[in-house]
């Protein structure tokens, strides 16, 4: 699965193409490097300073697909028996289709839905109704908000989440998002430098590239004079915060962040972090302190990274959050040094081979790996990591900065 090819289209957008004659369906993932992170709330566009709240990236995702020049692109492609999905993540928005019928026309419709916006007040208000209902559901999820408050506290210079502690804002925010706001964010972030195309299928490379260039030749160029602030991700906002909750059980949040050592690249760092989550972050690692049980269960594990910092946040049921965090950090650092390297690598390689067998999942996974690598497969990388190198990598990673979120009854 490593025989993908990177091609730069005439407008500068990179196309990652995997051509395989045995594939029956075609997959397309159109990715815009713009998501719900608070890093995008403050920006300068064409020399003017702007500030927005959460929800704009998600609102745009809905409006662009539901109100294109073709009508409702989402419904149009579903009627052709396409699998289609759009996701607003923390750091990107992904428009994904997979199907067989009218491939060229469907690719063209997807690209033009994203790149030729036609929304006005009428279209925005039509999409607003469903978005508000979705926001209400997220705001009601208390267990999901606790790790987000942890994540917010881990970074002092940037509010990764606003006060709603959701990725799409609450009903009030979405009620007040205007067409002008959305157009501003579109002009700022939906520029050609922020876009990536991933395609997979039985495709003729030259014919496809010529066709894509022809599509983009008839689309206005999306250039942007966008400037984002430079945030200092090192300082922590709060050591302890309180979360008002009507939860029946005693849930608390805790988390920590780890700076990538200069000795490791991003892919090395993610391998060590993956180990932490899958092998050291079991309940058995931190459930007991001697004979005293300190944790009942752990849920809502959230992994993220900002610049060279990686963060992990959790929601746990415990009556001793202060004790838990100190024990966890101590045991985690110890566990890293006691890992079973061969078992870890065998498991990682087996997972990678399993993913390679399901070729259609690769375009969907691509956005999550853009941060570390643009390879479709990590198999060669994993096989290149020997025992001594992995030991050295894991010993360079230190858990230092940490924070706690305590809940209190209303």
Foldseek 3Di string as FASTA:
>chain_A
DQPWDWDQAPLRAIETEAADAVFQKKKKKKKFQDALFQLPQWKAFPRRTGGAAFALVVLLQQLLQCCFPVHRLVVVVVVVVKDWDWDGDLGMIMTMIMDHPPVLVNVLRVVRSLQPGDDAQVSSVVSLVVLQVVQQVQLPPPQQQQQLVFVQQQFAFGRRHPPSSDSRDHNVSSVPCHPVNNVVVCLQGVASVRIHMYMYYNDDVVVVSVSVNVSVVPGDHRDIPMDTDDGDGHDGRDQEAEDEDADPFFKKKKKFKWFQDPVDAPVLVVLLVVCCVPPCPDCVLQQDDVPDGFFDDKDNWDWDDDDRMIMIMIMTGGPCQVVRVVSSQVSSLVDLLVDDVVVSLVVVLVVQVVVVVVVNCQVVCQVVCPVGDNGSGCNVVSVVQDDVNSNVSSNVIHTDGMHIYGYDYD
